[in-house]
Amino acid sequence: MPRFNNNRRAFSLIEILAAVMIAATVATIAVTQFRTPGDTAHWRSCQLSRQTVQNEANRYIDITGSLPSSDLRQLSSSQYWDGPLPTCPVTGTAFTLDRSGNINCKSHP
C-alpha cells in the first residue's frame, strides 16, 4: 500500500483564495483613499444643484400633472424659477429631464 508524504510543497486552494480576498480588500480601501477630495466636492455641489432643479420640476408636475420638456424651459417662468435655471457648477452644462421625471447631468451621472 502506498504511503502519502506529508511534506507540503504548495499552497492549498483555500489559502490562495484567502490571500486573493485579503489583497482585493486592501486594494479597494486604497483606491477609495486616493480619490481626491475635489472630485467628491464637485459631485456633491452638482448633486445639490440637481436636487434644487428636481424640486422645481416636481412642483411643476404637481401643478400641471405633466412633465416639463427635457430642456426644462417651462421652469424658467416667474411661477417656478424666474430666471435662468441652475447649471452644473463644475462644467456649466444644463441639466436635462429624463422620461421618468428625474433631473440628469451629463458630466455627473
PDB file of N, CA and C in Angstrom:
ATOM      1  N   MET A   1       0.844  -1.167   0.000  1.00  0.00           N
ATOM      2  CA  MET A   1       0.000   0.000   0.000  1.00  0.00           C
ATOM      3  C   MET A   1       0.896   1.239   0.000  1.00  0.00           C
ATOM      4  N   PRO A   2       0.586   2.199  -0.893  1.00  0.00           N
ATOM      5  CA  PRO A   2       1.421   3.389  -0.971  1.00  0.00           C
ATOM      6  C   PRO A   2       1.177   4.297   0.220  1.00  0.00           C
ATOM      7  N   ARG A   3       2.216   4.936   0.643  1.00  0.00           N
ATOM      8  CA  ARG A   3       2.117   5.882   1.757  1.00  0.00           C
ATOM      9  C   ARG A   3       2.217   7.298   1.200  1.00  0.00           C
ATOM     10  N   PHE A   4       1.415   8.188   1.765  1.00  0.00           N
ATOM     11  CA  PHE A   4       1.435   9.577   1.321  1.00  0.00           C
ATOM     12  C   PHE A   4       2.493  10.337   2.090  1.00  0.00           C
ATOM     13  N   ASN A   5       3.170  11.191   1.387  1.00  0.00           N
ATOM     14  CA  ASN A   5       4.206  12.011   2.004  1.00  0.00           C
ATOM     15  C   ASN A   5       3.545  13.260   2.574  1.00  0.00           C
ATOM     16  N   ASN A   6       3.735  13.550   3.805  1.00  0.00           N
ATOM     17  CA  ASN A   6       3.107  14.695   4.457  1.00  0.00           C
ATOM     18  C   ASN A   6       3.902  15.975   4.294  1.00  0.00           C
ATOM     19  N   ASN A   7       4.993  15.950   3.577  1.00  0.00           N
ATOM     20  CA  ASN A   7       5.770  17.171   3.356  1.00  0.00           C
ATOM     21  C   ASN A   7       5.054  18.027   2.323  1.00  0.00           C
ATOM     22  N   ARG A   8       4.549  19.169   2.745  1.00  0.00           N
ATOM     23  CA  ARG A   8       3.814  20.059   1.834  1.00  0.00           C
ATOM     24  C   ARG A   8       4.783  20.946   1.089  1.00  0.00           C
ATOM     25  N   ARG A   9       4.586  21.073  -0.215  1.00  0.00           N
ATOM     26  CA  ARG A   9       5.436  21.933  -1.027  1.00  0.00           C
ATOM     27  C   ARG A   9       4.631  23.005  -1.762  1.00  0.00           C
ATOM     28  N   ALA A  10       3.324  23.053  -1.605  1.00  0.00           N
ATOM     29  CA  ALA A  10       2.492  24.024  -2.315  1.00  0.00           C
ATOM     30  C   ALA A  10       1.393  24.527  -1.380  1.00  0.00           C
ATOM     31  N   PHE A  11       0.733  25.598  -1.833  1.00  0.00           N
ATOM     32  CA  PHE A  11      -0.378  26.155  -1.073  1.00  0.00           C
ATOM     33  C   PHE A  11      -1.667  25.464  -1.494  1.00  0.00           C
ATOM     34  N   SER A  12      -2.597  25.369  -0.579  1.00  0.00           N
ATOM     35  CA  SER A  12      -3.903  24.805  -0.926  1.00  0.00           C
ATOM     36  C   SER A  12      -4.750  25.884  -1.596  1.00  0.00           C
ATOM     37  N   LEU A  13      -5.797  25.458  -2.233  1.00  0.00           N
ATOM     38  CA  LEU A  13      -6.692  26.396  -2.915  1.00  0.00           C
ATOM     39  C   LEU A  13      -7.319  27.373  -1.923  1.00  0.00           C
ATOM     40  N   ILE A  14      -7.658  26.921  -0.760  1.00  0.00           N
ATOM     41  CA  ILE A  14      -8.250  27.789   0.267  1.00  0.00           C
ATOM     42  C   ILE A  14      -7.268  28.883   0.674  1.00  0.00           C
ATOM     43  N   GLU A  15      -6.016  28.539   0.831  1.00  0.00           N
ATOM     44  CA  GLU A  15      -5.008  29.530   1.212  1.00  0.00           C
ATOM     45  C   GLU A  15      -4.821  30.578   0.121  1.00  0.00           C
ATOM     46  N   ILE A  16      -4.829  30.144  -1.117  1.00  0.00           N
ATOM     47  CA  ILE A  16      -4.681  31.085  -2.237  1.00  0.00           C
ATOM     48  C   ILE A  16      -5.894  32.003  -2.315  1.00  0.00           C
ATOM     49  N   LEU A  17      -7.098  31.450  -2.182  1.00  0.00           N
ATOM     50  CA  LEU A  17      -8.311  32.274  -2.219  1.00  0.00           C
ATOM     51  C   LEU A  17      -8.347  33.275  -1.068  1.00  0.00           C
ATOM     52  N   ALA A  18      -7.908  32.863   0.094  1.00  0.00           N
ATOM     53  CA  ALA A  18      -7.875  33.781   1.232  1.00  0.00           C
ATOM     54  C   ALA A  18      -6.906  34.927   0.973  1.00  0.00           C
ATOM     55  N   ALA A  19      -5.750  34.621   0.405  1.00  0.00           N
ATOM     56  CA  ALA A  19      -4.772  35.669   0.097  1.00  0.00           C
ATOM     57  C   ALA A  19      -5.306  36.631  -0.957  1.00  0.00           C
ATOM     58  N   VAL A  20      -5.997  36.107  -1.963  1.00  0.00           N
ATOM     59  CA  VAL A  20      -6.572  36.969  -3.006  1.00  0.00           C
ATOM     60  C   VAL A  20      -7.656  37.861  -2.414  1.00  0.00           C
ATOM     61  N   MET A  21      -8.496  37.333  -1.542  1.00  0.00           N
ATOM     62  CA  MET A  21      -9.550  38.141  -0.922  1.00  0.00           C
ATOM     63  C   MET A  21      -8.966  39.251  -0.056  1.00  0.00           C
ATOM     64  N   ILE A  22      -7.933  38.949   0.687  1.00  0.00           N
ATOM     65  CA  ILE A  22      -7.290  39.974   1.518  1.00  0.00           C
ATOM     66  C   ILE A  22      -6.667  41.049   0.640  1.00  0.00           C
ATOM     67  N   ALA A  23      -6.001  40.649  -0.432  1.00  0.00           N
ATOM     68  CA  ALA A  23      -5.386  41.622  -1.339  1.00  0.00           C
ATOM     69  C   ALA A  23      -6.443  42.490  -2.010  1.00  0.00           C
ATOM     70  N   ALA A  24      -7.565  41.907  -2.401  1.00  0.00           N
ATOM     71  CA  ALA A  24      -8.639  42.679  -3.029  1.00  0.00           C
ATOM     72  C   ALA A  24      -9.242  43.684  -2.053  1.00  0.00           C
ATOM     73  N   THR A  25      -9.406  43.297  -0.813  1.00  0.00           N
ATOM     74  CA  THR A  25      -9.943  44.207   0.201  1.00  0.00           C
ATOM     75  C   THR A  25      -9.005  45.382   0.435  1.00  0.00           C
ATOM     76  N   VAL A  26      -7.728  45.098   0.555  1.00  0.00           N
ATOM     77  CA  VAL A  26      -6.740  46.164   0.753  1.00  0.00           C
ATOM     78  C   VAL A  26      -6.707  47.088  -0.462  1.00  0.00           C
ATOM     79  N   ALA A  27      -6.777  46.527  -1.664  1.00  0.00           N
ATOM     80  CA  ALA A  27      -6.765  47.347  -2.878  1.00  0.00           C
ATOM     81  C   ALA A  27      -8.000  48.236  -2.957  1.00  0.00           C
ATOM     82  N   THR A  28      -9.146  47.719  -2.581  1.00  0.00           N
ATOM     83  CA  THR A  28     -10.377  48.515  -2.603  1.00  0.00           C
ATOM     84  C   THR A  28     -10.290  49.688  -1.637  1.00  0.00           C
ATOM     85  N   ILE A  29      -9.793  49.448  -0.466  1.00  0.00           N
ATOM     86  CA  ILE A  29      -9.640  50.523   0.521  1.00  0.00           C
ATOM     87  C   ILE A  29      -8.637  51.554   0.028  1.00  0.00           C
ATOM     88  N   ALA A  30      -7.548  51.108  -0.568  1.00  0.00           N
ATOM     89  CA  ALA A  30      -6.520  52.032  -1.054  1.00  0.00           C
ATOM     90  C   ALA A  30      -7.045  52.900  -2.188  1.00  0.00           C
ATOM     91  N   VAL A  31      -7.805  52.324  -3.102  1.00  0.00           N
ATOM     92  CA  VAL A  31      -8.319  53.094  -4.241  1.00  0.00           C
ATOM     93  C   VAL A  31      -9.274  54.176  -3.766  1.00  0.00           C
ATOM     94  N   THR A  32     -10.123  53.876  -2.806  1.00  0.00           N
ATOM     95  CA  THR A  32     -11.053  54.896  -2.321  1.00  0.00           C
ATOM     96  C   THR A  32     -10.328  56.023  -1.597  1.00  0.00           C
ATOM     97  N   GLN A  33      -9.187  55.738  -1.003  1.00  0.00           N
ATOM     98  CA  GLN A  33      -8.425  56.776  -0.312  1.00  0.00           C
ATOM     99  C   GLN A  33      -7.682  57.687  -1.280  1.00  0.00           C
ATOM    100  N   PHE A  34      -7.385  57.205  -2.472  1.00  0.00           N
ATOM    101  CA  PHE A  34      -6.661  58.020  -3.443  1.00  0.00           C
ATOM    102  C   PHE A  34      -7.570  58.967  -4.205  1.00  0.00           C
ATOM    103  N   ARG A  35      -8.846  58.825  -4.039  1.00  0.00           N
ATOM    104  CA  ARG A  35      -9.791  59.729  -4.693  1.00  0.00           C
ATOM    105  C   ARG A  35      -9.612  61.116  -4.101  1.00  0.00           C
ATOM    106  N   THR A  36      -9.516  62.113  -4.954  1.00  0.00           N
ATOM    107  CA  THR A  36      -9.248  63.458  -4.460  1.00  0.00           C
ATOM    108  C   THR A  36     -10.503  64.057  -3.831  1.00  0.00           C
ATOM    109  N   PRO A  37     -10.322  64.846  -2.790  1.00  0.00           N
ATOM    110  CA  PRO A  37     -11.485  65.479  -2.159  1.00  0.00           C
ATOM    111  C   PRO A  37     -12.222  66.412  -3.118  1.00  0.00           C
ATOM    112  N   GLY A  38     -11.505  66.970  -4.082  1.00  0.00           N
ATOM    113  CA  GLY A  38     -12.143  67.858  -5.043  1.00  0.00           C
ATOM    114  C   GLY A  38     -13.179  67.151  -5.889  1.00  0.00           C
ATOM    115  N   ASP A  39     -12.906  65.901  -6.257  1.00  0.00           N
ATOM    116  CA  ASP A  39     -13.874  65.135  -7.039  1.00  0.00           C
ATOM    117  C   ASP A  39     -15.168  64.951  -6.266  1.00  0.00           C
ATOM    118  N   THR A  40     -15.039  64.639  -5.000  1.00  0.00           N
ATOM    119  CA  THR A  40     -16.217  64.453  -4.163  1.00  0.00           C
ATOM    120  C   THR A  40     -16.969  65.769  -3.992  1.00  0.00           C
ATOM    121  N   ALA A  41     -16.251  66.851  -3.807  1.00  0.00           N
ATOM    122  CA  ALA A  41     -16.892  68.159  -3.647  1.00  0.00           C
ATOM    123  C   ALA A  41     -17.616  68.570  -4.926  1.00  0.00           C
ATOM    124  N   HIS A  42     -17.003  68.320  -6.072  1.00  0.00           N
ATOM    125  CA  HIS A  42     -17.655  68.648  -7.347  1.00  0.00           C
ATOM    126  C   HIS A  42     -18.941  67.853  -7.513  1.00  0.00           C
ATOM    127  N   TRP A  43     -18.868  66.562  -7.216  1.00  0.00           N
ATOM    128  CA  TRP A  43     -20.050  65.725  -7.364  1.00  0.00           C
ATOM    129  C   TRP A  43     -21.155  66.188  -6.419  1.00  0.00           C
ATOM    130  N   ARG A  44     -20.796  66.533  -5.187  1.00  0.00           N
ATOM    131  CA  ARG A  44     -21.811  66.957  -4.211  1.00  0.00           C
ATOM    132  C   ARG A  44     -22.437  68.296  -4.580  1.00  0.00           C
ATOM    133  N   SER A  45     -21.643  69.218  -5.101  1.00  0.00           N
ATOM    134  CA  SER A  45     -22.217  70.510  -5.490  1.00  0.00           C
ATOM    135  C   SER A  45     -23.149  70.339  -6.685  1.00  0.00           C
ATOM    136  N   CYS A  46     -22.787  69.461  -7.609  1.00  0.00           N
ATOM    137  CA  CYS A  46     -23.673  69.175  -8.737  1.00  0.00           C
ATOM    138  C   CYS A  46     -24.947  68.501  -8.239  1.00  0.00           C
ATOM    139  N   GLN A  47     -24.818  67.593  -7.307  1.00  0.00           N
ATOM    140  CA  GLN A  47     -25.976  66.899  -6.737  1.00  0.00           C
ATOM    141  C   GLN A  47     -26.930  67.891  -6.067  1.00  0.00           C
ATOM    142  N   LEU A  48     -26.394  68.864  -5.361  1.00  0.00           N
ATOM    143  CA  LEU A  48     -27.230  69.870  -4.704  1.00  0.00           C
ATOM    144  C   LEU A  48     -27.982  70.713  -5.734  1.00  0.00           C
ATOM    145  N   SER A  49     -27.292  71.129  -6.793  1.00  0.00           N
ATOM    146  CA  SER A  49     -27.958  71.902  -7.843  1.00  0.00           C
ATOM    147  C   SER A  49     -29.029  71.074  -8.537  1.00  0.00           C
ATOM    148  N   ARG A  50     -28.726  69.808  -8.800  1.00  0.00           N
ATOM    149  CA  ARG A  50     -29.725  68.927  -9.421  1.00  0.00           C
ATOM    150  C   ARG A  50     -30.946  68.771  -8.527  1.00  0.00           C
ATOM    151  N   GLN A  51     -30.725  68.645  -7.224  1.00  0.00           N
ATOM    152  CA  GLN A  51     -31.849  68.480  -6.305  1.00  0.00           C
ATOM    153  C   GLN A  51     -32.719  69.735  -6.275  1.00  0.00           C
ATOM    154  N   THR A  52     -32.094  70.900  -6.377  1.00  0.00           N
ATOM    155  CA  THR A  52     -32.855  72.149  -6.422  1.00  0.00           C
ATOM    156  C   THR A  52     -33.758  72.188  -7.650  1.00  0.00           C
ATOM    157  N   VAL A  53     -33.201  71.840  -8.803  1.00  0.00           N
ATOM    158  CA  VAL A  53     -33.996  71.824 -10.033  1.00  0.00           C
ATOM    159  C   VAL A  53     -35.041  70.708  -9.968  1.00  0.00           C
ATOM    160  N   GLN A  54     -34.688  69.576  -9.363  1.00  0.00           N
ATOM    161  CA  GLN A  54     -35.640  68.466  -9.227  1.00  0.00           C
ATOM    162  C   GLN A  54     -36.850  68.891  -8.401  1.00  0.00           C
ATOM    163  N   ASN A  55     -36.622  69.666  -7.351  1.00  0.00           N
ATOM    164  CA  ASN A  55     -37.740  70.157  -6.535  1.00  0.00           C
ATOM    165  C   ASN A  55     -38.681  71.022  -7.360  1.00  0.00           C
ATOM    166  N   GLU A  56     -38.128  71.885  -8.201  1.00  0.00           N
ATOM    167  CA  GLU A  56     -38.971  72.731  -9.057  1.00  0.00           C
ATOM    168  C   GLU A  56     -39.693  71.897 -10.109  1.00  0.00           C
ATOM    169  N   ALA A  57     -39.024  70.886 -10.654  1.00  0.00           N
ATOM    170  CA  ALA A  57     -39.677  70.009 -11.629  1.00  0.00           C
ATOM    171  C   ALA A  57     -40.823  69.245 -10.974  1.00  0.00           C
ATOM    172  N   ASN A  58     -40.610  68.775  -9.761  1.00  0.00           N
ATOM    173  CA  ASN A  58     -41.683  68.077  -9.044  1.00  0.00           C
ATOM    174  C   ASN A  58     -42.854  69.012  -8.766  1.00  0.00           C
ATOM    175  N   ARG A  59     -42.557  70.250  -8.449  1.00  0.00           N
ATOM    176  CA  ARG A  59     -43.619  71.239  -8.221  1.00  0.00           C
ATOM    177  C   ARG A  59     -44.411  71.473  -9.507  1.00  0.00           C
ATOM    178  N   TYR A  60     -43.701  71.572 -10.633  1.00  0.00           N
ATOM    179  CA  TYR A  60     -44.354  71.741 -11.934  1.00  0.00           C
ATOM    180  C   TYR A  60     -45.268  70.547 -12.228  1.00  0.00           C
ATOM    181  N   ILE A  61     -44.771  69.347 -11.951  1.00  0.00           N
ATOM    182  CA  ILE A  61     -45.563  68.139 -12.199  1.00  0.00           C
ATOM    183  C   ILE A  61     -46.804  68.121 -11.306  1.00  0.00           C
ATOM    184  N   ASP A  62     -46.658  68.529 -10.044  1.00  0.00           N
ATOM    185  CA  ASP A  62     -47.799  68.558  -9.126  1.00  0.00           C
ATOM    186  C   ASP A  62     -48.863  69.548  -9.587  1.00  0.00           C
ATOM    187  N   ILE A  63     -48.432  70.693 -10.117  1.00  0.00           N
ATOM    188  CA  ILE A  63     -49.386  71.733 -10.523  1.00  0.00           C
ATOM    189  C   ILE A  63     -50.051  71.395 -11.849  1.00  0.00           C
ATOM    190  N   THR A  64     -49.250  70.976 -12.843  1.00  0.00           N
ATOM    191  CA  THR A  64     -49.789  70.774 -14.189  1.00  0.00           C
ATOM    192  C   THR A  64     -50.206  69.338 -14.467  1.00  0.00           C
ATOM    193  N   GLY A  65     -49.656  68.397 -13.738  1.00  0.00           N
ATOM    194  CA  GLY A  65     -49.979  66.996 -13.992  1.00  0.00           C
ATOM    195  C   GLY A  65     -49.205  66.386 -15.140  1.00  0.00           C
ATOM    196  N   SER A  66     -48.233  67.118 -15.674  1.00  0.00           N
ATOM    197  CA  SER A  66     -47.420  66.585 -16.771  1.00  0.00           C
ATOM    198  C   SER A  66     -45.959  66.972 -16.568  1.00  0.00           C
ATOM    199  N   LEU A  67     -45.090  66.286 -17.286  1.00  0.00           N
ATOM    200  CA  LEU A  67     -43.658  66.574 -17.197  1.00  0.00           C
ATOM    201  C   LEU A  67     -43.314  67.820 -18.000  1.00  0.00           C
ATOM    202  N   PRO A  68     -42.363  68.613 -17.542  1.00  0.00           N
ATOM    203  CA  PRO A  68     -41.863  69.697 -18.385  1.00  0.00           C
ATOM    204  C   PRO A  68     -41.040  69.109 -19.529  1.00  0.00           C
ATOM    205  N   SER A  69     -40.696  69.929 -20.490  1.00  0.00           N
ATOM    206  CA  SER A  69     -39.886  69.440 -21.604  1.00  0.00           C
ATOM    207  C   SER A  69     -38.505  69.033 -21.106  1.00  0.00           C
ATOM    208  N   SER A  70     -37.783  68.277 -21.917  1.00  0.00           N
ATOM    209  CA  SER A  70     -36.486  67.756 -21.473  1.00  0.00           C
ATOM    210  C   SER A  70     -35.466  68.858 -21.243  1.00  0.00           C
ATOM    211  N   ASP A  71     -35.641  70.028 -21.894  1.00  0.00           N
ATOM    212  CA  ASP A  71     -34.703  71.133 -21.653  1.00  0.00           C
ATOM    213  C   ASP A  71     -35.157  72.042 -20.504  1.00  0.00           C
ATOM    214  N   LEU A  72     -36.297  71.729 -19.892  1.00  0.00           N
ATOM    215  CA  LEU A  72     -36.799  72.399 -18.684  1.00  0.00           C
ATOM    216  C   LEU A  72     -37.133  73.877 -18.884  1.00  0.00           C
ATOM    217  N   ARG A  73     -37.434  74.296 -20.094  1.00  0.00           N
ATOM    218  CA  ARG A  73     -37.682  75.724 -20.334  1.00  0.00           C
ATOM    219  C   ARG A  73     -38.914  76.238 -19.592  1.00  0.00           C
ATOM    220  N   GLN A  74     -39.880  75.364 -19.301  1.00  0.00           N
ATOM    221  CA  GLN A  74     -41.070  75.807 -18.567  1.00  0.00           C
ATOM    222  C   GLN A  74     -40.736  76.240 -17.141  1.00  0.00           C
ATOM    223  N   LEU A  75     -39.658  75.707 -16.600  1.00  0.00           N
ATOM    224  CA  LEU A  75     -39.302  76.049 -15.223  1.00  0.00           C
ATOM    225  C   LEU A  75     -38.660  77.427 -15.107  1.00  0.00           C
ATOM    226  N   SER A  76     -38.312  78.046 -16.224  1.00  0.00           N
ATOM    227  CA  SER A  76     -37.698  79.379 -16.184  1.00  0.00           C
ATOM    228  C   SER A  76     -38.724  80.485 -16.005  1.00  0.00           C
ATOM    229  N   SER A  77     -40.004  80.155 -15.967  1.00  0.00           N
ATOM    230  CA  SER A  77     -41.037  81.177 -15.822  1.00  0.00           C
ATOM    231  C   SER A  77     -41.040  81.732 -14.401  1.00  0.00           C
ATOM    232  N   SER A  78     -41.724  82.855 -14.235  1.00  0.00           N
ATOM    233  CA  SER A  78     -41.748  83.517 -12.927  1.00  0.00           C
ATOM    234  C   SER A  78     -42.463  82.679 -11.869  1.00  0.00           C
ATOM    235  N   GLN A  79     -43.325  81.781 -12.285  1.00  0.00           N
ATOM    236  CA  GLN A  79     -44.056  80.955 -11.326  1.00  0.00           C
ATOM    237  C   GLN A  79     -43.142  79.931 -10.651  1.00  0.00           C
ATOM    238  N   TYR A  80     -42.070  79.536 -11.331  1.00  0.00           N
ATOM    239  CA  TYR A  80     -41.210  78.487 -10.780  1.00  0.00           C
ATOM    240  C   TYR A  80     -39.835  79.009 -10.389  1.00  0.00           C
ATOM    241  N   TRP A  81     -39.070  79.488 -11.342  1.00  0.00           N
ATOM    242  CA  TRP A  81     -37.690  79.873 -11.017  1.00  0.00           C
ATOM    243  C   TRP A  81     -37.426  81.345 -11.283  1.00  0.00           C
ATOM    244  N   ASP A  82     -38.096  81.935 -12.231  1.00  0.00           N
ATOM    245  CA  ASP A  82     -37.962  83.356 -12.575  1.00  0.00           C
ATOM    246  C   ASP A  82     -36.521  83.726 -12.931  1.00  0.00           C
ATOM    247  N   GLY A  83     -36.030  83.122 -13.965  1.00  0.00           N
ATOM    248  CA  GLY A  83     -34.681  83.405 -14.433  1.00  0.00           C
ATOM    249  C   GLY A  83     -34.041  82.151 -14.979  1.00  0.00           C
ATOM    250  N   PRO A  84     -32.783  82.265 -15.298  1.00  0.00           N
ATOM    251  CA  PRO A  84     -32.107  81.070 -15.823  1.00  0.00           C
ATOM    252  C   PRO A  84     -31.972  79.995 -14.741  1.00  0.00           C
ATOM    253  N   LEU A  85     -32.175  78.777 -15.139  1.00  0.00           N
ATOM    254  CA  LEU A  85     -32.068  77.659 -14.195  1.00  0.00           C
ATOM    255  C   LEU A  85     -30.616  77.405 -13.823  1.00  0.00           C
ATOM    256  N   PRO A  86     -30.382  76.845 -12.650  1.00  0.00           N
ATOM    257  CA  PRO A  86     -29.014  76.478 -12.281  1.00  0.00           C
ATOM    258  C   PRO A  86     -28.456  75.440 -13.255  1.00  0.00           C
ATOM    259  N   THR A  87     -27.165  75.490 -13.450  1.00  0.00           N
ATOM    260  CA  THR A  87     -26.472  74.517 -14.291  1.00  0.00           C
ATOM    261  C   THR A  87     -25.478  73.757 -13.424  1.00  0.00           C
ATOM    262  N   CYS A  88     -24.813  72.807 -14.020  1.00  0.00           N
ATOM    263  CA  CYS A  88     -23.787  72.070 -13.284  1.00  0.00           C
ATOM    264  C   CYS A  88     -22.714  73.061 -12.856  1.00  0.00           C
ATOM    265  N   PRO A  89     -22.423  73.166 -11.567  1.00  0.00           N
ATOM    266  CA  PRO A  89     -21.449  74.155 -11.102  1.00  0.00           C
ATOM    267  C   PRO A  89     -20.020  73.851 -11.544  1.00  0.00           C
ATOM    268  N   VAL A  90     -19.758  72.642 -11.977  1.00  0.00           N
ATOM    269  CA  VAL A  90     -18.407  72.261 -12.383  1.00  0.00           C
ATOM    270  C   VAL A  90     -18.188  72.540 -13.862  1.00  0.00           C
ATOM    271  N   THR A  91     -19.103  72.067 -14.709  1.00  0.00           N
ATOM    272  CA  THR A  91     -18.919  72.191 -16.159  1.00  0.00           C
ATOM    273  C   THR A  91     -19.773  73.281 -16.789  1.00  0.00           C
ATOM    274  N   GLY A  92     -20.814  73.723 -16.109  1.00  0.00           N
ATOM    275  CA  GLY A  92     -21.691  74.744 -16.663  1.00  0.00           C
ATOM    276  C   GLY A  92     -22.724  74.204 -17.637  1.00  0.00           C
ATOM    277  N   THR A  93     -22.803  72.887 -17.795  1.00  0.00           N
ATOM    278  CA  THR A  93     -23.781  72.316 -18.717  1.00  0.00           C
ATOM    279  C   THR A  93     -25.166  72.328 -18.085  1.00  0.00           C
ATOM    280  N   ALA A  94     -26.161  72.456 -18.941  1.00  0.00           N
ATOM    281  CA  ALA A  94     -27.540  72.498 -18.469  1.00  0.00           C
ATOM    282  C   ALA A  94     -28.002  71.104 -18.067  1.00  0.00           C
ATOM    283  N   PHE A  95     -28.868  71.061 -17.079  1.00  0.00           N
ATOM    284  CA  PHE A  95     -29.460  69.798 -16.664  1.00  0.00           C
ATOM    285  C   PHE A  95     -30.559  69.421 -17.644  1.00  0.00           C
ATOM    286  N   THR A  96     -30.850  68.136 -17.730  1.00  0.00           N
ATOM    287  CA  THR A  96     -31.932  67.650 -18.584  1.00  0.00           C
ATOM    288  C   THR A  96     -32.872  66.787 -17.755  1.00  0.00           C
ATOM    289  N   LEU A  97     -34.048  66.581 -18.296  1.00  0.00           N
ATOM    290  CA  LEU A  97     -35.067  65.774 -17.631  1.00  0.00           C
ATOM    291  C   LEU A  97     -35.268  64.498 -18.431  1.00  0.00           C
ATOM    292  N   ASP A  98     -35.233  63.338 -17.765  1.00  0.00           N
ATOM    293  CA  ASP A  98     -35.488  62.093 -18.483  1.00  0.00           C
ATOM    294  C   ASP A  98     -36.981  61.780 -18.462  1.00  0.00           C
ATOM    295  N   ARG A  99     -37.369  60.699 -19.103  1.00  0.00           N
ATOM    296  CA  ARG A  99     -38.791  60.363 -19.244  1.00  0.00           C
ATOM    297  C   ARG A  99     -39.463  59.977 -17.936  1.00  0.00           C
ATOM    298  N   SER A 100     -38.670  59.608 -16.950  1.00  0.00           N
ATOM    299  CA  SER A 100     -39.271  59.252 -15.663  1.00  0.00           C
ATOM    300  C   SER A 100     -39.358  60.446 -14.715  1.00  0.00           C
ATOM    301  N   GLY A 101     -38.936  61.618 -15.176  1.00  0.00           N
ATOM    302  CA  GLY A 101     -39.054  62.824 -14.366  1.00  0.00           C
ATOM    303  C   GLY A 101     -37.858  63.127 -13.502  1.00  0.00           C
ATOM    304  N   ASN A 102     -36.717  62.513 -13.769  1.00  0.00           N
ATOM    305  CA  ASN A 102     -35.506  62.750 -12.982  1.00  0.00           C
ATOM    306  C   ASN A 102     -34.576  63.720 -13.692  1.00  0.00           C
ATOM    307  N   ILE A 103     -33.982  64.620 -12.926  1.00  0.00           N
ATOM    308  CA  ILE A 103     -33.020  65.577 -13.456  1.00  0.00           C
ATOM    309  C   ILE A 103     -31.665  64.890 -13.586  1.00  0.00           C
ATOM    310  N   ASN A 104     -31.018  65.081 -14.736  1.00  0.00           N
ATOM    311  CA  ASN A 104     -29.727  64.447 -15.002  1.00  0.00           C
ATOM    312  C   ASN A 104     -28.682  65.478 -15.384  1.00  0.00           C
ATOM    313  N   CYS A 105     -27.442  65.146 -15.081  1.00  0.00           N
ATOM    314  CA  CYS A 105     -26.291  65.940 -15.501  1.00  0.00           C
ATOM    315  C   CYS A 105     -25.423  65.043 -16.372  1.00  0.00           C
ATOM    316  N   LYS A 106     -25.042  65.539 -17.535  1.00  0.00           N
ATOM    317  CA  LYS A 106     -24.222  64.733 -18.436  1.00  0.00           C
ATOM    318  C   LYS A 106     -22.841  64.473 -17.854  1.00  0.00           C
ATOM    319  N   SER A 107     -22.338  65.385 -17.053  1.00  0.00           N
ATOM    320  CA  SER A 107     -20.987  65.249 -16.509  1.00  0.00           C
ATOM    321  C   SER A 107     -20.930  64.409 -15.243  1.00  0.00           C
ATOM    322  N   HIS A 108     -22.012  64.395 -14.482  1.00  0.00           N
ATOM    323  CA  HIS A 108     -22.038  63.679 -13.199  1.00  0.00           C
ATOM    324  C   HIS A 108     -23.273  62.780 -13.133  1.00  0.00           C
ATOM    325  N   PRO A 109     -23.208  61.624 -13.747  1.00  0.00           N
ATOM    326  CA  PRO A 109     -24.395  60.741 -13.762  1.00  0.00           C
ATOM    327  C   PRO A 109     -24.746  60.189 -12.401  1.00  0.00           C
TER     328      PRO A 109
END
